[in-house]
Amino acid sequence: MKGFLTGLSKLVLGVVTALLLLSLAGVATARYFMARLAVLPPKPAFENDALPQPPQTQAGEAEAAAAPAEAAPTPDPPPTPELEEGAYEAVVVQPIGLVLREGPGTTFAQLGGIDNNDAVVVLEESPDNQWVKVRVTENGQEGWIKAGNIRKTE
């Protein structure tokens, strides 16, 4: 009888250990895949996108770079362009970006898009305050976007 109880207890302990190991492996696998899905994929690049151009160096710039840092003159910041009356600077706060249109409404053709956190200059608002005309600071493109998706910057 004692051997039977020992064998039964070993069987129960083995089954419980196997179930515990399987459940821990399942939890670890689920955590691994959740962590992999939390990482955003790289932004796709299309052939009509503007690629950043590396700065072109000239012989004079190479010599200035070789000189000590204290001798290099500090360049003045570029002048900020004057805004038209009633215009103000803003930034896009819509996480998925915005569609830039020819006019104030969804019936107008799409001109392009504006990404989240891109700087724009608000030029005017539609009479019903549902749309705003903006100029994208990066490329100078103008168009209309849905109001309420931008935040005024100081």
N, C-alpha and C. Protein backbone atom coordinates (compact mmCIF):
# COMPACT_ATOMS: atom_id res chain seq x y z
N MET A 1 0.81 -1.19 0.00
CA MET A 1 0.00 0.00 0.00
C MET A 1 0.86 1.26 0.00
N LYS A 2 1.99 1.18 0.76
CA LYS A 2 2.87 2.32 0.84
C LYS A 2 3.48 2.64 -0.53
N GLY A 3 3.85 1.64 -1.29
CA GLY A 3 4.40 1.82 -2.63
C GLY A 3 3.38 2.43 -3.58
N PHE A 4 2.12 2.04 -3.41
CA PHE A 4 1.06 2.60 -4.27
C PHE A 4 0.89 4.08 -4.01
N LEU A 5 0.88 4.49 -2.74
CA LEU A 5 0.72 5.91 -2.40
C LEU A 5 1.93 6.72 -2.85
N THR A 6 3.12 6.15 -2.75
CA THR A 6 4.32 6.84 -3.22
C THR A 6 4.27 7.04 -4.74
N GLY A 7 3.89 6.00 -5.45
CA GLY A 7 3.77 6.10 -6.91
C GLY A 7 2.70 7.10 -7.32
N LEU A 8 1.56 7.10 -6.61
CA LEU A 8 0.47 8.03 -6.91
C LEU A 8 0.90 9.47 -6.64
N SER A 9 1.61 9.69 -5.55
CA SER A 9 2.06 11.05 -5.22
C SER A 9 3.08 11.53 -6.25
N LYS A 10 3.98 10.65 -6.73
CA LYS A 10 4.94 11.01 -7.78
C LYS A 10 4.21 11.37 -9.08
N LEU A 11 3.16 10.63 -9.40
CA LEU A 11 2.38 10.90 -10.62
C LEU A 11 1.70 12.27 -10.53
N VAL A 12 1.06 12.53 -9.39
CA VAL A 12 0.36 13.82 -9.21
C VAL A 12 1.37 14.96 -9.23
N LEU A 13 2.49 14.81 -8.54
CA LEU A 13 3.51 15.84 -8.52
C LEU A 13 4.10 16.07 -9.92
N GLY A 14 4.29 15.04 -10.69
CA GLY A 14 4.80 15.16 -12.06
C GLY A 14 3.82 15.89 -12.97
N VAL A 15 2.52 15.58 -12.85
CA VAL A 15 1.50 16.24 -13.66
C VAL A 15 1.41 17.72 -13.30
N VAL A 16 1.44 18.03 -12.00
CA VAL A 16 1.37 19.43 -11.56
C VAL A 16 2.59 20.20 -12.05
N THR A 17 3.78 19.60 -11.97
CA THR A 17 5.00 20.24 -12.45
C THR A 17 4.94 20.48 -13.96
N ALA A 18 4.46 19.51 -14.71
CA ALA A 18 4.34 19.66 -16.16
C ALA A 18 3.37 20.78 -16.52
N LEU A 19 2.23 20.85 -15.83
CA LEU A 19 1.26 21.92 -16.09
C LEU A 19 1.84 23.29 -15.74
N LEU A 20 2.59 23.36 -14.64
CA LEU A 20 3.22 24.62 -14.25
C LEU A 20 4.24 25.07 -15.29
N LEU A 21 5.06 24.15 -15.77
CA LEU A 21 6.05 24.50 -16.80
C LEU A 21 5.40 24.94 -18.10
N LEU A 22 4.34 24.26 -18.50
CA LEU A 22 3.63 24.64 -19.73
C LEU A 22 3.00 26.03 -19.60
N SER A 23 2.41 26.32 -18.45
CA SER A 23 1.78 27.62 -18.28
C SER A 23 2.83 28.72 -18.25
N LEU A 24 3.98 28.49 -17.59
CA LEU A 24 5.04 29.51 -17.59
C LEU A 24 5.60 29.73 -18.99
N ALA A 25 5.74 28.67 -19.76
CA ALA A 25 6.22 28.82 -21.14
C ALA A 25 5.21 29.61 -21.98
N GLY A 26 3.93 29.38 -21.75
CA GLY A 26 2.90 30.13 -22.48
C GLY A 26 2.92 31.61 -22.12
N VAL A 27 3.10 31.92 -20.84
CA VAL A 27 3.17 33.32 -20.41
C VAL A 27 4.41 33.99 -21.00
N ALA A 28 5.54 33.30 -20.98
CA ALA A 28 6.76 33.87 -21.53
C ALA A 28 6.62 34.12 -23.04
N THR A 29 6.00 33.21 -23.75
CA THR A 29 5.79 33.38 -25.19
C THR A 29 4.85 34.55 -25.47
N ALA A 30 3.80 34.67 -24.68
CA ALA A 30 2.85 35.78 -24.87
C ALA A 30 3.53 37.11 -24.60
N ARG A 31 4.34 37.20 -23.56
CA ARG A 31 5.06 38.45 -23.26
C ARG A 31 6.04 38.80 -24.37
N TYR A 32 6.71 37.80 -24.93
CA TYR A 32 7.65 38.04 -26.01
C TYR A 32 6.93 38.65 -27.21
N PHE A 33 5.81 38.07 -27.63
CA PHE A 33 5.10 38.57 -28.80
C PHE A 33 4.44 39.92 -28.53
N MET A 34 3.98 40.17 -27.31
CA MET A 34 3.42 41.48 -26.99
C MET A 34 4.50 42.55 -27.06
N ALA A 35 5.69 42.24 -26.59
CA ALA A 35 6.80 43.20 -26.66
C ALA A 35 7.18 43.47 -28.11
N ARG A 36 7.17 42.45 -28.95
CA ARG A 36 7.50 42.64 -30.37
C ARG A 36 6.45 43.47 -31.08
N LEU A 37 5.19 43.32 -30.71
CA LEU A 37 4.13 44.08 -31.36
C LEU A 37 4.06 45.52 -30.87
N ALA A 38 4.67 45.82 -29.74
CA ALA A 38 4.65 47.18 -29.21
C ALA A 38 5.61 48.10 -29.94
N VAL A 39 6.58 47.56 -30.66
CA VAL A 39 7.56 48.36 -31.39
C VAL A 39 6.97 48.73 -32.75
N LEU A 40 6.98 50.05 -33.04
CA LEU A 40 6.45 50.51 -34.32
C LEU A 40 7.40 50.16 -35.45
N PRO A 41 6.88 49.78 -36.61
CA PRO A 41 7.76 49.49 -37.74
C PRO A 41 8.35 50.79 -38.28
N PRO A 42 9.42 50.73 -39.05
CA PRO A 42 9.99 51.96 -39.60
C PRO A 42 9.02 52.60 -40.59
N LYS A 43 9.09 53.93 -40.65
CA LYS A 43 8.22 54.67 -41.56
C LYS A 43 8.60 54.33 -43.00
N PRO A 44 7.61 53.97 -43.83
CA PRO A 44 7.94 53.61 -45.21
C PRO A 44 8.40 54.84 -46.01
N ALA A 45 9.30 54.62 -46.93
CA ALA A 45 9.79 55.69 -47.80
C ALA A 45 9.28 55.41 -49.21
N PHE A 46 8.71 56.42 -49.82
CA PHE A 46 8.20 56.30 -51.17
C PHE A 46 9.07 57.11 -52.11
N GLU A 47 9.01 56.79 -53.40
CA GLU A 47 9.89 57.44 -54.35
C GLU A 47 9.58 58.92 -54.52
N ASN A 48 8.38 59.39 -54.18
CA ASN A 48 8.07 60.81 -54.33
C ASN A 48 8.33 61.59 -53.05
N ASP A 49 8.84 60.94 -51.99
CA ASP A 49 9.20 61.63 -50.76
C ASP A 49 10.50 62.39 -50.97
N ALA A 50 10.61 63.54 -50.31
CA ALA A 50 11.83 64.31 -50.38
C ALA A 50 12.83 63.71 -49.40
N LEU A 51 14.00 63.34 -49.90
CA LEU A 51 15.03 62.77 -49.06
C LEU A 51 15.89 63.88 -48.49
N PRO A 52 16.33 63.77 -47.24
CA PRO A 52 17.20 64.81 -46.69
C PRO A 52 18.53 64.80 -47.40
N GLN A 53 18.97 65.97 -47.80
CA GLN A 53 20.23 66.11 -48.54
C GLN A 53 21.35 66.37 -47.55
N PRO A 54 22.47 65.64 -47.67
CA PRO A 54 23.61 65.93 -46.79
C PRO A 54 24.20 67.28 -47.16
N PRO A 55 24.69 68.01 -46.18
CA PRO A 55 25.26 69.33 -46.50
C PRO A 55 26.51 69.17 -47.36
N GLN A 56 26.61 70.01 -48.38
CA GLN A 56 27.76 69.96 -49.28
C GLN A 56 28.89 70.78 -48.67
N THR A 57 30.05 70.19 -48.60
CA THR A 57 31.19 70.89 -48.02
C THR A 57 32.06 71.43 -49.13
N GLN A 58 32.63 72.58 -48.89
CA GLN A 58 33.55 73.19 -49.83
C GLN A 58 34.92 73.23 -49.16
N ALA A 59 35.92 73.60 -49.91
CA ALA A 59 37.28 73.61 -49.38
C ALA A 59 37.40 74.56 -48.20
N GLY A 60 36.76 75.71 -48.26
CA GLY A 60 36.82 76.68 -47.16
C GLY A 60 36.17 76.15 -45.89
N GLU A 61 35.09 75.42 -46.06
CA GLU A 61 34.40 74.86 -44.90
C GLU A 61 35.24 73.77 -44.25
N ALA A 62 35.98 72.99 -45.06
CA ALA A 62 36.83 71.93 -44.51
C ALA A 62 37.95 72.54 -43.68
N GLU A 63 38.54 73.66 -44.15
CA GLU A 63 39.60 74.32 -43.39
C GLU A 63 39.05 74.90 -42.10
N ALA A 64 37.84 75.47 -42.14
CA ALA A 64 37.24 76.05 -40.94
C ALA A 64 36.94 74.97 -39.92
N ALA A 65 36.57 73.78 -40.40
CA ALA A 65 36.29 72.69 -39.49
C ALA A 65 37.57 72.18 -38.84
N ALA A 66 38.70 72.28 -39.55
CA ALA A 66 39.97 71.82 -39.01
C ALA A 66 40.52 72.80 -37.98
N ALA A 67 40.12 74.06 -38.04
CA ALA A 67 40.60 75.07 -37.09
C ALA A 67 40.03 74.79 -35.71
N PRO A 68 40.64 75.33 -34.68
CA PRO A 68 40.11 75.12 -33.32
C PRO A 68 38.68 75.65 -33.21
N ALA A 69 37.92 75.03 -32.33
CA ALA A 69 36.51 75.38 -32.19
C ALA A 69 36.33 76.80 -31.68
N GLU A 70 37.28 77.31 -30.86
CA GLU A 70 37.11 78.65 -30.32
C GLU A 70 37.31 79.73 -31.38
N ALA A 71 38.02 79.42 -32.46
CA ALA A 71 38.26 80.40 -33.50
C ALA A 71 37.10 80.48 -34.49
N ALA A 72 36.22 79.49 -34.49
CA ALA A 72 35.12 79.47 -35.45
C ALA A 72 34.07 80.49 -35.04
N PRO A 73 33.63 81.33 -35.98
CA PRO A 73 32.59 82.31 -35.64
C PRO A 73 31.25 81.60 -35.49
N THR A 74 30.44 82.12 -34.59
CA THR A 74 29.11 81.53 -34.39
C THR A 74 28.16 82.17 -35.39
N PRO A 75 27.49 81.34 -36.19
CA PRO A 75 26.58 81.91 -37.19
C PRO A 75 25.33 82.46 -36.53
N ASP A 76 24.81 83.51 -37.12
CA ASP A 76 23.57 84.09 -36.62
C ASP A 76 22.41 83.18 -37.00
N PRO A 77 21.40 83.06 -36.14
CA PRO A 77 20.25 82.23 -36.51
C PRO A 77 19.53 82.84 -37.70
N PRO A 78 18.94 82.00 -38.55
CA PRO A 78 18.24 82.55 -39.71
C PRO A 78 17.07 83.41 -39.26
N PRO A 79 16.81 84.48 -39.99
CA PRO A 79 15.70 85.36 -39.57
C PRO A 79 14.37 84.64 -39.72
N THR A 80 13.49 84.86 -38.76
CA THR A 80 12.16 84.26 -38.84
C THR A 80 11.31 85.09 -39.79
N PRO A 81 10.63 84.42 -40.72
CA PRO A 81 9.82 85.19 -41.67
C PRO A 81 8.66 85.88 -40.96
N GLU A 82 8.33 87.05 -41.46
CA GLU A 82 7.22 87.80 -40.90
C GLU A 82 5.91 87.11 -41.25
N LEU A 83 5.02 87.00 -40.30
CA LEU A 83 3.72 86.38 -40.53
C LEU A 83 2.73 87.44 -40.98
N GLU A 84 1.79 87.02 -41.81
CA GLU A 84 0.74 87.92 -42.24
C GLU A 84 -0.12 88.29 -41.04
N GLU A 85 -0.89 89.33 -41.17
CA GLU A 85 -1.76 89.74 -40.07
C GLU A 85 -2.81 88.67 -39.80
N GLY A 86 -2.96 88.29 -38.56
CA GLY A 86 -3.93 87.27 -38.17
C GLY A 86 -3.39 85.86 -38.26
N ALA A 87 -2.20 85.66 -38.84
CA ALA A 87 -1.61 84.33 -38.95
C ALA A 87 -0.85 84.01 -37.67
N TYR A 88 -0.76 82.71 -37.38
CA TYR A 88 0.02 82.28 -36.21
C TYR A 88 0.60 80.90 -36.47
N GLU A 89 1.63 80.58 -35.71
CA GLU A 89 2.29 79.29 -35.86
C GLU A 89 1.61 78.26 -34.98
N ALA A 90 1.57 77.02 -35.47
CA ALA A 90 0.93 75.93 -34.74
C ALA A 90 1.65 74.63 -35.06
N VAL A 91 1.28 73.59 -34.33
CA VAL A 91 1.85 72.27 -34.55
C VAL A 91 0.71 71.27 -34.61
N VAL A 92 0.84 70.25 -35.46
CA VAL A 92 -0.20 69.24 -35.63
C VAL A 92 -0.18 68.31 -34.41
N VAL A 93 -1.36 68.10 -33.80
CA VAL A 93 -1.45 67.22 -32.63
C VAL A 93 -2.22 65.94 -32.92
N GLN A 94 -2.74 65.79 -34.11
CA GLN A 94 -3.45 64.57 -34.47
C GLN A 94 -2.43 63.44 -34.64
N PRO A 95 -2.53 62.35 -33.84
CA PRO A 95 -1.50 61.29 -33.88
C PRO A 95 -1.31 60.64 -35.24
N ILE A 96 -2.35 60.56 -36.05
CA ILE A 96 -2.22 59.89 -37.34
C ILE A 96 -1.93 60.86 -38.47
N GLY A 97 -1.76 62.15 -38.15
CA GLY A 97 -1.51 63.14 -39.18
C GLY A 97 -2.81 63.67 -39.76
N LEU A 98 -2.68 64.55 -40.75
CA LEU A 98 -3.85 65.21 -41.35
C LEU A 98 -3.76 65.18 -42.87
N VAL A 99 -4.92 65.26 -43.50
CA VAL A 99 -5.01 65.35 -44.97
C VAL A 99 -5.09 66.82 -45.34
N LEU A 100 -4.24 67.25 -46.24
CA LEU A 100 -4.23 68.61 -46.74
C LEU A 100 -5.10 68.67 -47.99
N ARG A 101 -6.09 69.57 -48.01
CA ARG A 101 -7.05 69.64 -49.12
C ARG A 101 -7.00 71.01 -49.81
N GLU A 102 -7.57 71.04 -51.04
CA GLU A 102 -7.60 72.28 -51.83
C GLU A 102 -8.54 73.32 -51.25
N GLY A 103 -9.59 72.89 -50.59
CA GLY A 103 -10.57 73.81 -50.04
C GLY A 103 -11.11 73.32 -48.71
N PRO A 104 -11.98 74.12 -48.08
CA PRO A 104 -12.50 73.77 -46.76
C PRO A 104 -13.66 72.78 -46.82
N GLY A 105 -13.36 71.52 -46.99
CA GLY A 105 -14.39 70.48 -47.02
C GLY A 105 -13.82 69.17 -47.52
N THR A 106 -14.52 68.08 -47.22
CA THR A 106 -14.04 66.77 -47.65
C THR A 106 -14.28 66.52 -49.13
N THR A 107 -15.07 67.36 -49.78
CA THR A 107 -15.34 67.20 -51.20
C THR A 107 -14.19 67.72 -52.07
N PHE A 108 -13.29 68.52 -51.48
CA PHE A 108 -12.16 69.07 -52.23
C PHE A 108 -11.06 68.02 -52.37
N ALA A 109 -10.26 68.14 -53.41
CA ALA A 109 -9.20 67.18 -53.70
C ALA A 109 -8.11 67.23 -52.64
N GLN A 110 -7.48 66.08 -52.43
CA GLN A 110 -6.39 65.98 -51.47
C GLN A 110 -5.09 66.45 -52.12
N LEU A 111 -4.36 67.29 -51.41
CA LEU A 111 -3.07 67.79 -51.91
C LEU A 111 -1.90 67.00 -51.33
N GLY A 112 -2.11 66.39 -50.19
CA GLY A 112 -1.03 65.68 -49.52
C GLY A 112 -1.40 65.45 -48.08
N GLY A 113 -0.40 65.33 -47.25
CA GLY A 113 -0.63 65.08 -45.84
C GLY A 113 0.37 65.81 -44.98
N ILE A 114 0.02 65.92 -43.70
CA ILE A 114 0.89 66.55 -42.71
C ILE A 114 1.04 65.56 -41.57
N ASP A 115 2.28 65.28 -41.17
CA ASP A 115 2.54 64.33 -40.09
C ASP A 115 2.30 64.97 -38.73
N ASN A 116 2.18 64.11 -37.73
CA ASN A 116 2.05 64.55 -36.34
C ASN A 116 3.30 65.34 -35.95
N ASN A 117 3.14 66.41 -35.19
CA ASN A 117 4.20 67.29 -34.69
C ASN A 117 4.86 68.13 -35.78
N ASP A 118 4.29 68.19 -36.99
CA ASP A 118 4.83 69.07 -38.02
C ASP A 118 4.37 70.50 -37.74
N ALA A 119 5.26 71.45 -38.02
CA ALA A 119 4.95 72.86 -37.81
C ALA A 119 4.18 73.41 -39.01
N VAL A 120 3.16 74.22 -38.73
CA VAL A 120 2.37 74.87 -39.77
C VAL A 120 2.14 76.32 -39.38
N VAL A 121 1.79 77.13 -40.37
CA VAL A 121 1.37 78.51 -40.12
C VAL A 121 -0.09 78.59 -40.51
N VAL A 122 -0.94 78.95 -39.56
CA VAL A 122 -2.37 79.09 -39.82
C VAL A 122 -2.60 80.44 -40.48
N LEU A 123 -3.16 80.41 -41.69
CA LEU A 123 -3.37 81.63 -42.47
C LEU A 123 -4.75 82.21 -42.29
N GLU A 124 -5.76 81.35 -42.30
CA GLU A 124 -7.14 81.83 -42.14
C GLU A 124 -8.04 80.68 -41.70
N GLU A 125 -9.26 81.02 -41.28
CA GLU A 125 -10.25 80.02 -40.88
C GLU A 125 -11.46 80.14 -41.79
N SER A 126 -12.16 79.02 -41.96
CA SER A 126 -13.37 79.05 -42.77
C SER A 126 -14.46 79.81 -42.00
N PRO A 127 -15.49 80.29 -42.69
CA PRO A 127 -16.56 81.04 -42.00
C PRO A 127 -17.24 80.25 -40.89
N ASP A 128 -17.35 78.94 -41.04
CA ASP A 128 -18.00 78.13 -40.01
C ASP A 128 -17.02 77.61 -38.95
N ASN A 129 -15.75 78.02 -39.03
CA ASN A 129 -14.70 77.62 -38.09
C ASN A 129 -14.48 76.11 -38.01
N GLN A 130 -14.84 75.38 -39.06
CA GLN A 130 -14.63 73.93 -39.10
C GLN A 130 -13.33 73.57 -39.80
N TRP A 131 -12.78 74.49 -40.59
CA TRP A 131 -11.57 74.23 -41.37
C TRP A 131 -10.61 75.41 -41.21
N VAL A 132 -9.31 75.16 -41.33
CA VAL A 132 -8.32 76.23 -41.29
C VAL A 132 -7.37 76.06 -42.48
N LYS A 133 -6.98 77.19 -43.06
CA LYS A 133 -6.01 77.18 -44.15
C LYS A 133 -4.64 77.32 -43.52
N VAL A 134 -3.72 76.41 -43.90
CA VAL A 134 -2.39 76.39 -43.31
C VAL A 134 -1.32 76.35 -44.40
N ARG A 135 -0.13 76.76 -44.00
CA ARG A 135 1.06 76.59 -44.83
C ARG A 135 2.02 75.71 -44.05
N VAL A 136 2.45 74.62 -44.67
CA VAL A 136 3.40 73.71 -44.02
C VAL A 136 4.75 74.41 -43.99
N THR A 137 5.33 74.54 -42.81
CA THR A 137 6.60 75.25 -42.65
C THR A 137 7.73 74.56 -43.38
N GLU A 138 7.72 73.24 -43.40
CA GLU A 138 8.82 72.47 -43.99
C GLU A 138 8.96 72.68 -45.49
N ASN A 139 7.83 72.69 -46.23
CA ASN A 139 7.93 72.76 -47.69
C ASN A 139 7.14 73.91 -48.31
N GLY A 140 6.43 74.69 -47.52
CA GLY A 140 5.70 75.84 -48.04
C GLY A 140 4.38 75.52 -48.71
N GLN A 141 3.95 74.26 -48.68
CA GLN A 141 2.70 73.86 -49.31
C GLN A 141 1.52 74.42 -48.51
N GLU A 142 0.51 74.93 -49.22
CA GLU A 142 -0.67 75.50 -48.57
C GLU A 142 -1.89 74.65 -48.87
N GLY A 143 -2.81 74.61 -47.91
CA GLY A 143 -4.05 73.87 -48.08
C GLY A 143 -4.90 73.98 -46.84
N TRP A 144 -6.01 73.26 -46.87
CA TRP A 144 -6.98 73.32 -45.77
C TRP A 144 -6.96 72.01 -44.99
N ILE A 145 -7.09 72.13 -43.66
CA ILE A 145 -7.18 70.97 -42.78
C ILE A 145 -8.36 71.16 -41.84
N LYS A 146 -8.82 70.06 -41.26
CA LYS A 146 -9.93 70.10 -40.31
C LYS A 146 -9.48 70.82 -39.05
N ALA A 147 -10.29 71.73 -38.55
CA ALA A 147 -9.96 72.50 -37.35
C ALA A 147 -9.96 71.59 -36.12
N GLY A 148 -9.23 72.00 -35.09
CA GLY A 148 -9.19 71.25 -33.84
C GLY A 148 -8.09 70.22 -33.78
N ASN A 149 -7.28 70.11 -34.82
CA ASN A 149 -6.21 69.11 -34.87
C ASN A 149 -4.83 69.74 -34.75
N ILE A 150 -4.78 71.02 -34.37
CA ILE A 150 -3.52 71.72 -34.23
C ILE A 150 -3.50 72.44 -32.87
N ARG A 151 -2.29 72.75 -32.41
CA ARG A 151 -2.12 73.48 -31.16
C ARG A 151 -1.24 74.69 -31.45
N LYS A 152 -1.69 75.85 -31.02
CA LYS A 152 -0.94 77.09 -31.24
C LYS A 152 0.35 77.05 -30.45
N THR A 153 1.47 77.46 -31.08
CA THR A 153 2.76 77.49 -30.40
C THR A 153 3.08 78.93 -30.02
N GLU A 154 3.94 79.06 -29.06
CA GLU A 154 4.33 80.40 -28.59
C GLU A 154 5.50 80.92 -29.37
